[in-house]
PDB file of N, CA and C in Angstrom:
ATOM      1  N   UNK A   1       1.046  -0.648   0.109  1.00  0.00           N
ATOM      2  CA  UNK A   1      -0.151  -0.276   0.422  1.00  0.00           C
ATOM      3  C   UNK A   1       0.886   1.340   0.342  1.00  0.00           C
ATOM      4  N   UNK A   2       0.638   2.019  -1.050  1.00  0.00           N
ATOM      5  CA  UNK A   2       1.548   3.228  -0.821  1.00  0.00           C
ATOM      6  C   UNK A   2       0.381   5.004   0.188  1.00  0.00           C
ATOM      7  N   UNK A   3       1.364   6.146   0.381  1.00  0.00           N
ATOM      8  CA  UNK A   3       1.140   6.613   1.275  1.00  0.00           C
ATOM      9  C   UNK A   3       1.115   7.729   0.335  1.00  0.00           C
ATOM     10  N   UNK A   4       0.705   9.092   0.917  1.00  0.00           N
ATOM     11  CA  UNK A   4       0.936  10.085   0.664  1.00  0.00           C
ATOM     12  C   UNK A   4       0.940  11.010   2.047  1.00  0.00           C
ATOM     13  N   UNK A   5       2.268  11.600   2.276  1.00  0.00           N
ATOM     14  CA  UNK A   5       2.442  12.422   3.304  1.00  0.00           C
ATOM     15  C   UNK A   5       3.024  14.166   3.144  1.00  0.00           C
ATOM     16  N   UNK A   6       2.582  15.142   4.022  1.00  0.00           N
ATOM     17  CA  UNK A   6       2.878  16.934   3.475  1.00  0.00           C
ATOM     18  C   UNK A   6       3.814  16.968   5.318  1.00  0.00           C
ATOM     19  N   UNK A   7       3.811  17.574   4.701  1.00  0.00           N
ATOM     20  CA  UNK A   7       5.159  18.022   5.822  1.00  0.00           C
ATOM     21  C   UNK A   7       5.395  19.855   5.763  1.00  0.00           C
ATOM     22  N   UNK A   8       4.298  19.937   6.464  1.00  0.00           N
ATOM     23  CA  UNK A   8       4.644  21.848   6.637  1.00  0.00           C
ATOM     24  C   UNK A   8       5.546  22.161   7.066  1.00  0.00           C
ATOM     25  N   UNK A   9       6.444  21.627   7.538  1.00  0.00           N
ATOM     26  CA  UNK A   9       7.532  23.314   7.985  1.00  0.00           C
ATOM     27  C   UNK A   9       8.613  22.888   6.943  1.00  0.00           C
ATOM     28  N   UNK A  10       8.023  21.462   6.118  1.00  0.00           N
ATOM     29  CA  UNK A  10       9.773  21.989   5.124  1.00  0.00           C
ATOM     30  C   UNK A  10       8.927  22.042   4.031  1.00  0.00           C
ATOM     31  N   UNK A  11       7.182  21.904   3.974  1.00  0.00           N
ATOM     32  CA  UNK A  11       6.778  21.992   2.276  1.00  0.00           C
ATOM     33  C   UNK A  11       6.506  21.396   1.679  1.00  0.00           C
ATOM     34  N   UNK A  12       6.703  19.852   2.011  1.00  0.00           N
ATOM     35  CA  UNK A  12       7.063  19.035   0.888  1.00  0.00           C
ATOM     36  C   UNK A  12       6.099  18.073   0.841  1.00  0.00           C
ATOM     37  N   UNK A  13       6.022  17.087  -0.012  1.00  0.00           N
ATOM     38  CA  UNK A  13       5.069  15.598  -0.136  1.00  0.00           C
ATOM     39  C   UNK A  13       5.709  14.980  -0.644  1.00  0.00           C
ATOM     40  N   UNK A  14       5.712  13.653   0.030  1.00  0.00           N
ATOM     41  CA  UNK A  14       5.951  13.103   0.290  1.00  0.00           C
ATOM     42  C   UNK A  14       5.321  11.295  -0.438  1.00  0.00           C
ATOM     43  N   UNK A  15       5.454  10.923  -1.355  1.00  0.00           N
ATOM     44  CA  UNK A  15       4.759   9.158  -1.960  1.00  0.00           C
ATOM     45  C   UNK A  15       5.747   8.299  -1.499  1.00  0.00           C
ATOM     46  N   UNK A  16       5.019   7.589  -0.371  1.00  0.00           N
ATOM     47  CA  UNK A  16       6.045   6.261  -0.227  1.00  0.00           C
ATOM     48  C   UNK A  16       5.385   5.385  -0.198  1.00  0.00           C
ATOM     49  N   UNK A  17       6.376   4.229  -1.974  1.00  0.00           N
ATOM     50  CA  UNK A  17       5.552   3.038  -2.536  1.00  0.00           C
ATOM     51  C   UNK A  17       5.979   1.547  -1.766  1.00  0.00           C
ATOM     52  N   UNK A  18       6.267   1.723  -0.438  1.00  0.00           N
ATOM     53  CA  UNK A  18       7.048   0.382  -0.648  1.00  0.00           C
ATOM     54  C   UNK A  18       5.954   0.304   1.282  1.00  0.00           C
ATOM     55  N   UNK A  19       5.402  -1.282   1.536  1.00  0.00           N
ATOM     56  CA  UNK A  19       4.856  -1.419   1.841  1.00  0.00           C
ATOM     57  C   UNK A  19       4.537  -1.147   3.543  1.00  0.00           C
ATOM     58  N   UNK A  20       6.592  -1.094   3.585  1.00  0.00           N
ATOM     59  CA  UNK A  20       6.703  -1.691   4.864  1.00  0.00           C
ATOM     60  C   UNK A  20       7.637  -0.034   5.198  1.00  0.00           C
ATOM     61  N   UNK A  21       8.319  -0.088   6.162  1.00  0.00           N
ATOM     62  CA  UNK A  21       9.060   1.644   7.286  1.00  0.00           C
ATOM     63  C   UNK A  21      10.353   0.700   6.393  1.00  0.00           C
ATOM     64  N   UNK A  22      11.070   0.231   4.841  1.00  0.00           N
ATOM     65  CA  UNK A  22      12.299   0.482   4.722  1.00  0.00           C
ATOM     66  C   UNK A  22      12.742   1.919   4.822  1.00  0.00           C
ATOM     67  N   UNK A  23      14.075   1.741   4.774  1.00  0.00           N
ATOM     68  CA  UNK A  23      14.932   2.922   5.525  1.00  0.00           C
ATOM     69  C   UNK A  23      15.165   3.655   4.164  1.00  0.00           C
ATOM     70  N   UNK A  24      16.003   5.094   4.265  1.00  0.00           N
ATOM     71  CA  UNK A  24      16.489   5.348   3.008  1.00  0.00           C
ATOM     72  C   UNK A  24      17.723   5.327   2.645  1.00  0.00           C
ATOM     73  N   UNK A  25      18.187   3.981   1.697  1.00  0.00           N
ATOM     74  CA  UNK A  25      19.572   3.738   1.606  1.00  0.00           C
ATOM     75  C   UNK A  25      20.553   5.448   0.834  1.00  0.00           C
ATOM     76  N   UNK A  26      20.329   5.401  -0.928  1.00  0.00           N
ATOM     77  CA  UNK A  26      19.811   6.343  -1.350  1.00  0.00           C
ATOM     78  C   UNK A  26      19.109   7.248  -1.917  1.00  0.00           C
ATOM     79  N   UNK A  27      19.412   8.749  -1.654  1.00  0.00           N
ATOM     80  CA  UNK A  27      18.746   9.452  -2.246  1.00  0.00           C
ATOM     81  C   UNK A  27      19.622  10.489  -3.212  1.00  0.00           C
ATOM     82  N   UNK A  28      18.324  10.395  -4.852  1.00  0.00           N
ATOM     83  CA  UNK A  28      19.051  10.428  -6.260  1.00  0.00           C
ATOM     84  C   UNK A  28      18.533  11.724  -6.154  1.00  0.00           C
ATOM     85  N   UNK A  29      18.936  12.841  -5.860  1.00  0.00           N
ATOM     86  CA  UNK A  29      18.015  14.332  -7.354  1.00  0.00           C
ATOM     87  C   UNK A  29      17.629  14.452  -8.040  1.00  0.00           C
ATOM     88  N   UNK A  30      16.578  14.208  -8.012  1.00  0.00           N
ATOM     89  CA  UNK A  30      15.994  14.330 -10.587  1.00  0.00           C
ATOM     90  C   UNK A  30      15.172  16.121 -10.774  1.00  0.00           C
ATOM     91  N   UNK A  31      15.905  17.174 -10.103  1.00  0.00           N
ATOM     92  CA  UNK A  31      16.158  17.849 -10.543  1.00  0.00           C
ATOM     93  C   UNK A  31      15.065  19.074 -10.103  1.00  0.00           C
ATOM     94  N   UNK A  32      14.884  20.183 -10.272  1.00  0.00           N
ATOM     95  CA  UNK A  32      13.488  20.937  -9.928  1.00  0.00           C
ATOM     96  C   UNK A  32      13.191  20.102  -8.075  1.00  0.00           C
ATOM     97  N   UNK A  33      14.049  20.395  -7.346  1.00  0.00           N
ATOM     98  CA  UNK A  33      14.058  19.730  -6.057  1.00  0.00           C
ATOM     99  C   UNK A  33      12.691  18.911  -5.854  1.00  0.00           C
ATOM    100  N   UNK A  34      13.361  17.796  -7.323  1.00  0.00           N
ATOM    101  CA  UNK A  34      12.977  16.158  -6.825  1.00  0.00           C
ATOM    102  C   UNK A  34      13.636  15.156  -6.684  1.00  0.00           C
ATOM    103  N   UNK A  35      13.423  14.439  -6.180  1.00  0.00           N
ATOM    104  CA  UNK A  35      14.475  13.526  -5.238  1.00  0.00           C
ATOM    105  C   UNK A  35      13.711  11.955  -4.976  1.00  0.00           C
ATOM    106  N   UNK A  36      14.136  11.003  -5.491  1.00  0.00           N
ATOM    107  CA  UNK A  36      14.311   9.721  -5.539  1.00  0.00           C
ATOM    108  C   UNK A  36      14.679   9.121  -4.421  1.00  0.00           C
ATOM    109  N   UNK A  37      14.013   8.191  -3.542  1.00  0.00           N
ATOM    110  CA  UNK A  37      15.064   7.053  -2.437  1.00  0.00           C
ATOM    111  C   UNK A  37      14.480   6.066  -2.476  1.00  0.00           C
ATOM    112  N   UNK A  38      15.500   4.994  -2.330  1.00  0.00           N
ATOM    113  CA  UNK A  38      15.990   3.822  -2.307  1.00  0.00           C
ATOM    114  C   UNK A  38      15.994   3.345  -1.551  1.00  0.00           C
ATOM    115  N   UNK A  39      15.759   1.896  -1.205  1.00  0.00           N
ATOM    116  CA  UNK A  39      16.000   1.285  -0.569  1.00  0.00           C
ATOM    117  C   UNK A  39      17.868   0.462  -0.929  1.00  0.00           C
ATOM    118  N   UNK A  40      18.259  -0.358   0.127  1.00  0.00           N
ATOM    119  CA  UNK A  40      19.835  -1.246   0.577  1.00  0.00           C
ATOM    120  C   UNK A  40      19.931  -1.870  -0.942  1.00  0.00           C
ATOM    121  N   UNK A  41      18.525  -2.351  -0.825  1.00  0.00           N
ATOM    122  CA  UNK A  41      18.617  -3.520  -2.283  1.00  0.00           C
ATOM    123  C   UNK A  41      18.293  -2.351  -3.879  1.00  0.00           C
ATOM    124  N   UNK A  42      18.308  -1.002  -3.843  1.00  0.00           N
ATOM    125  CA  UNK A  42      18.184   0.039  -4.994  1.00  0.00           C
ATOM    126  C   UNK A  42      16.846  -0.464  -5.163  1.00  0.00           C
ATOM    127  N   UNK A  43      15.791  -0.512  -5.394  1.00  0.00           N
ATOM    128  CA  UNK A  43      14.851  -1.211  -5.035  1.00  0.00           C
ATOM    129  C   UNK A  43      13.892   1.215  -4.390  1.00  0.00           C
ATOM    130  N   UNK A  44      13.308   1.459  -5.326  1.00  0.00           N
ATOM    131  CA  UNK A  44      12.943   2.805  -5.900  1.00  0.00           C
ATOM    132  C   UNK A  44      11.265   2.627  -4.059  1.00  0.00           C
ATOM    133  N   UNK A  45      11.804   3.038  -3.232  1.00  0.00           N
ATOM    134  CA  UNK A  45      10.561   2.855  -1.794  1.00  0.00           C
ATOM    135  C   UNK A  45       9.536   4.310  -2.009  1.00  0.00           C
ATOM    136  N   UNK A  46       9.984   5.749  -2.117  1.00  0.00           N
ATOM    137  CA  UNK A  46       9.544   7.028  -2.266  1.00  0.00           C
ATOM    138  C   UNK A  46      10.194   7.769  -3.082  1.00  0.00           C
ATOM    139  N   UNK A  47       9.313   9.123  -3.430  1.00  0.00           N
ATOM    140  CA  UNK A  47       9.660   9.999  -3.665  1.00  0.00           C
ATOM    141  C   UNK A  47       9.816  11.431  -3.035  1.00  0.00           C
ATOM    142  N   UNK A  48       9.743  12.631  -2.850  1.00  0.00           N
ATOM    143  CA  UNK A  48       9.397  13.985  -2.605  1.00  0.00           C
ATOM    144  C   UNK A  48      10.042  15.067  -3.293  1.00  0.00           C
ATOM    145  N   UNK A  49       8.172  15.954  -3.117  1.00  0.00           N
ATOM    146  CA  UNK A  49       8.756  16.614  -4.182  1.00  0.00           C
ATOM    147  C   UNK A  49       8.374  18.244  -2.856  1.00  0.00           C
ATOM    148  N   UNK A  50       9.606  18.998  -2.970  1.00  0.00           N
ATOM    149  CA  UNK A  50       9.999  20.441  -2.368  1.00  0.00           C
ATOM    150  C   UNK A  50       9.420  20.399  -2.620  1.00  0.00           C
ATOM    151  N   UNK A  51       7.780  22.046  -2.418  1.00  0.00           N
ATOM    152  CA  UNK A  51       7.718  23.384  -3.334  1.00  0.00           C
ATOM    153  C   UNK A  51       8.139  25.092  -3.518  1.00  0.00           C
ATOM    154  N   UNK A  52       8.229  25.005  -3.914  1.00  0.00           N
ATOM    155  CA  UNK A  52       8.982  26.482  -3.756  1.00  0.00           C
ATOM    156  C   UNK A  52       7.376  27.515  -2.488  1.00  0.00           C
ATOM    157  N   UNK A  53       7.840  28.487  -2.685  1.00  0.00           N
ATOM    158  CA  UNK A  53       7.186  28.737  -1.275  1.00  0.00           C
ATOM    159  C   UNK A  53       5.722  30.005  -1.794  1.00  0.00           C
ATOM    160  N   UNK A  54       6.389  29.913  -3.568  1.00  0.00           N
ATOM    161  CA  UNK A  54       5.072  30.395  -4.383  1.00  0.00           C
ATOM    162  C   UNK A  54       3.808  29.468  -4.709  1.00  0.00           C
ATOM    163  N   UNK A  55       3.934  28.009  -4.336  1.00  0.00           N
ATOM    164  CA  UNK A  55       2.792  27.141  -4.441  1.00  0.00           C
ATOM    165  C   UNK A  55       1.950  27.771  -4.008  1.00  0.00           C
ATOM    166  N   UNK A  56       0.779  27.831  -5.283  1.00  0.00           N
ATOM    167  CA  UNK A  56      -0.708  28.240  -4.950  1.00  0.00           C
ATOM    168  C   UNK A  56      -1.639  28.267  -3.521  1.00  0.00           C
ATOM    169  N   UNK A  57      -2.009  29.465  -3.148  1.00  0.00           N
ATOM    170  CA  UNK A  57      -3.097  29.000  -1.814  1.00  0.00           C
ATOM    171  C   UNK A  57      -3.139  27.928  -1.758  1.00  0.00           C
ATOM    172  N   UNK A  58      -4.160  28.037  -3.602  1.00  0.00           N
ATOM    173  CA  UNK A  58      -6.084  27.068  -2.637  1.00  0.00           C
ATOM    174  C   UNK A  58      -4.954  25.684  -2.884  1.00  0.00           C
ATOM    175  N   UNK A  59      -3.609  25.568  -2.991  1.00  0.00           N
ATOM    176  CA  UNK A  59      -3.401  23.906  -3.387  1.00  0.00           C
ATOM    177  C   UNK A  59      -2.859  23.831  -1.420  1.00  0.00           C
ATOM    178  N   UNK A  60      -2.396  24.627  -1.394  1.00  0.00           N
ATOM    179  CA  UNK A  60      -2.115  24.521  -0.057  1.00  0.00           C
ATOM    180  C   UNK A  60      -2.548  23.965   0.870  1.00  0.00           C
ATOM    181  N   UNK A  61      -3.548  24.751   0.396  1.00  0.00           N
ATOM    182  CA  UNK A  61      -5.320  25.148   1.975  1.00  0.00           C
ATOM    183  C   UNK A  61      -6.203  24.061   1.557  1.00  0.00           C
ATOM    184  N   UNK A  62      -5.983  22.782   0.262  1.00  0.00           N
ATOM    185  CA  UNK A  62      -6.723  21.840   0.323  1.00  0.00           C
ATOM    186  C   UNK A  62      -5.707  20.744   0.959  1.00  0.00           C
ATOM    187  N   UNK A  63      -4.424  20.308   0.351  1.00  0.00           N
ATOM    188  CA  UNK A  63      -2.916  19.805   1.214  1.00  0.00           C
ATOM    189  C   UNK A  63      -3.626  19.811   3.399  1.00  0.00           C
ATOM    190  N   UNK A  64      -4.245  21.071   3.102  1.00  0.00           N
ATOM    191  CA  UNK A  64      -3.628  21.038   5.514  1.00  0.00           C
ATOM    192  C   UNK A  64      -5.424  20.096   5.627  1.00  0.00           C
ATOM    193  N   UNK A  65      -6.149  20.531   4.619  1.00  0.00           N
ATOM    194  CA  UNK A  65      -7.311  20.345   5.332  1.00  0.00           C
ATOM    195  C   UNK A  65      -7.973  18.124   5.156  1.00  0.00           C
ATOM    196  N   UNK A  66      -6.163  18.254   4.718  1.00  0.00           N
ATOM    197  CA  UNK A  66      -6.726  16.902   4.128  1.00  0.00           C
ATOM    198  C   UNK A  66      -5.782  15.793   5.587  1.00  0.00           C
ATOM    199  N   UNK A  67      -5.910  14.378   6.015  1.00  0.00           N
ATOM    200  CA  UNK A  67      -5.031  13.918   6.964  1.00  0.00           C
ATOM    201  C   UNK A  67      -3.864  14.473   6.996  1.00  0.00           C
ATOM    202  N   UNK A  68      -2.778  13.604   7.814  1.00  0.00           N
ATOM    203  CA  UNK A  68      -1.662  14.569   7.331  1.00  0.00           C
ATOM    204  C   UNK A  68      -0.576  13.229   6.317  1.00  0.00           C
ATOM    205  N   UNK A  69      -1.722  11.633   6.891  1.00  0.00           N
ATOM    206  CA  UNK A  69      -0.559  10.980   5.831  1.00  0.00           C
ATOM    207  C   UNK A  69      -1.999  10.291   5.440  1.00  0.00           C
ATOM    208  N   UNK A  70      -1.920  10.360   3.863  1.00  0.00           N
ATOM    209  CA  UNK A  70      -3.241   9.781   2.897  1.00  0.00           C
ATOM    210  C   UNK A  70      -2.762   7.920   2.287  1.00  0.00           C
ATOM    211  N   UNK A  71      -3.080   7.297   2.692  1.00  0.00           N
ATOM    212  CA  UNK A  71      -2.622   5.749   2.297  1.00  0.00           C
ATOM    213  C   UNK A  71      -4.014   5.768   0.992  1.00  0.00           C
ATOM    214  N   UNK A  72      -2.707   5.104   0.259  1.00  0.00           N
ATOM    215  CA  UNK A  72      -3.947   4.788  -0.954  1.00  0.00           C
ATOM    216  C   UNK A  72      -4.108   3.079  -1.610  1.00  0.00           C
ATOM    217  N   UNK A  73      -5.005   3.021  -1.727  1.00  0.00           N
ATOM    218  CA  UNK A  73      -4.553   1.456  -1.847  1.00  0.00           C
ATOM    219  C   UNK A  73      -4.902   0.479  -3.392  1.00  0.00           C
ATOM    220  N   UNK A  74      -4.367  -0.592  -3.422  1.00  0.00           N
ATOM    221  CA  UNK A  74      -3.987  -0.467  -4.390  1.00  0.00           C
ATOM    222  C   UNK A  74      -5.277  -1.969  -4.926  1.00  0.00           C
TER     223      UNK A  74
END
């Protein structure tokens, strides 16, 4: 099951693709404040999007109205 979480302090969305709480062994920058996280076996476990301070207010309000973590069913 995947999940999405929002960190208000860093203004970032994190998409966790792994079911378990595997630790990030390596982070690969994808450019423009996007990062891909890999586990120790080189498998993708998540990715992060850092938003600029100019994120649209409407988007920020929608995120803040949501739960801190949203689980996505497959």
